[in-house]
Amino acid sequence: MHMCKRCGLNISHIVSLGIKRLYDEALKWYRTYGLVLIRYFNLWGKYRNLSVEYVIHAPCSSAATNPDLALFAREIASGLLEWSYWIPSLNAVYNHCYGSAIENILAKHGENTWNSILNQARKSLLASRYSISAIENLKPSTRIILKITLWRKFIDITRMKEIAIIRSLTCPKCFQGDLKVINRNQLQNGDEVIAKCEACGEEIKVIFNFKQPEDCDSIINDIVFLVLDNLYVASSKDSSVSFTNSLRDLLNIIRLDPKLFRQALRAIAKCATNLHMWINKVPPRVYREELIKIYSSWLRLLLVGLKSYLGEKDLSEILMTLENELKGKGQSSRVLLSNSLEEDVEEEILKNLVKW
């Protein structure tokens, strides 16, 4: 049995995935939930921007070297991702549990585990750019350059992602204000999005250079990121109507692709089970009350939005997926829904929980 040396949780199930797959699982959380949750933390602007950039540019496991993996573990423990240390992640563990699992696998025999990780991390080609010490090298600028995946068949998904990423950034000029998008220009192989800082008023150019999908890139993960971004926006307004409208716009883009649409519904159902787990089973250990309130708000908006958007057949499908996920964890969707929705909405949805 493998135990996390930092919190004592059993992490055998993620260790058994192997180092490459568990790294991909960890990175998936950062590229979906993490890119949205970072907005709630009161972080120094330079730190926040470099953290976001690192999450976006971190290599896939197929391209990551052992030093790159060691760097990832180091940054969770005491670096650019430390803000997420005690935040629950996928597979019912905390983010630091993934770092701990990577450390245990990579540590060299006979050497102190942490010293071994530090020594290996220094050899990563990414280390000079992505570290706490690199923050001091960030100078005020009116431009940010990022590389993101282009989904040629669903270009609107790519462009929605651009806006969502900008919401996670802070002004690179004053490092204090949020950015508000005001225009977009199409480049030869990317987009230039113009945003205005809400603190200093400076116009910022965010350049998105497009790349072809790599093996860890997934349009489903990007859709989940956009759903979470929409939840963030709607929860700030406490508006189920706002979320329902944005969810409709997003799902209508992919609805003509039945396979992708079905996969997206399952992924959204998984969002609901994750949120329920983080509220009830593996709660955050920092900002606990604030984050549980956020998760609860997101869960309520998510289920109400789906009920409003989906017809009876598709609603039954996604809720049955949700039910099966919860049964696998010894839970019940009735518990989940009763914690999240008003009784009339709960009763309406539970009527549609049919076998398929």
Foldseek 3Di string as FASTA:
>chain_A
DDAQPPPGDDPVVLLVVPLQVSVLQLLLQCLAVVLLVLLVDPDFQLLLALLLQCSQPQDHSVPDDLLSLLLVLVCCVDWSNVVQVQACGPPLHGSNSSSSSSLVVQADPPDDSNVSSVVSNVPDPCNCCGTRVNSVVQAQDQEAEHEHAQDPLQNVLVVLLVQLSQQSHAHSHPSPFRWAWDDWDDDPAWIWTWTAGPPPRDIHTYTYGYDHDDPSDDSLSSLSNSLVSQLSVCVVVVHLVSSLVSNLVSLVSCVVPVVVSLVNLLSLLVLLVVLLCCLPPRDGPPPRVVVNVSSLSSNLSSLVSCVVRDDLVSLLSSVLSNQVVQVVVVHGVLVSDVSRYDPVSSVVSVVSPDDD
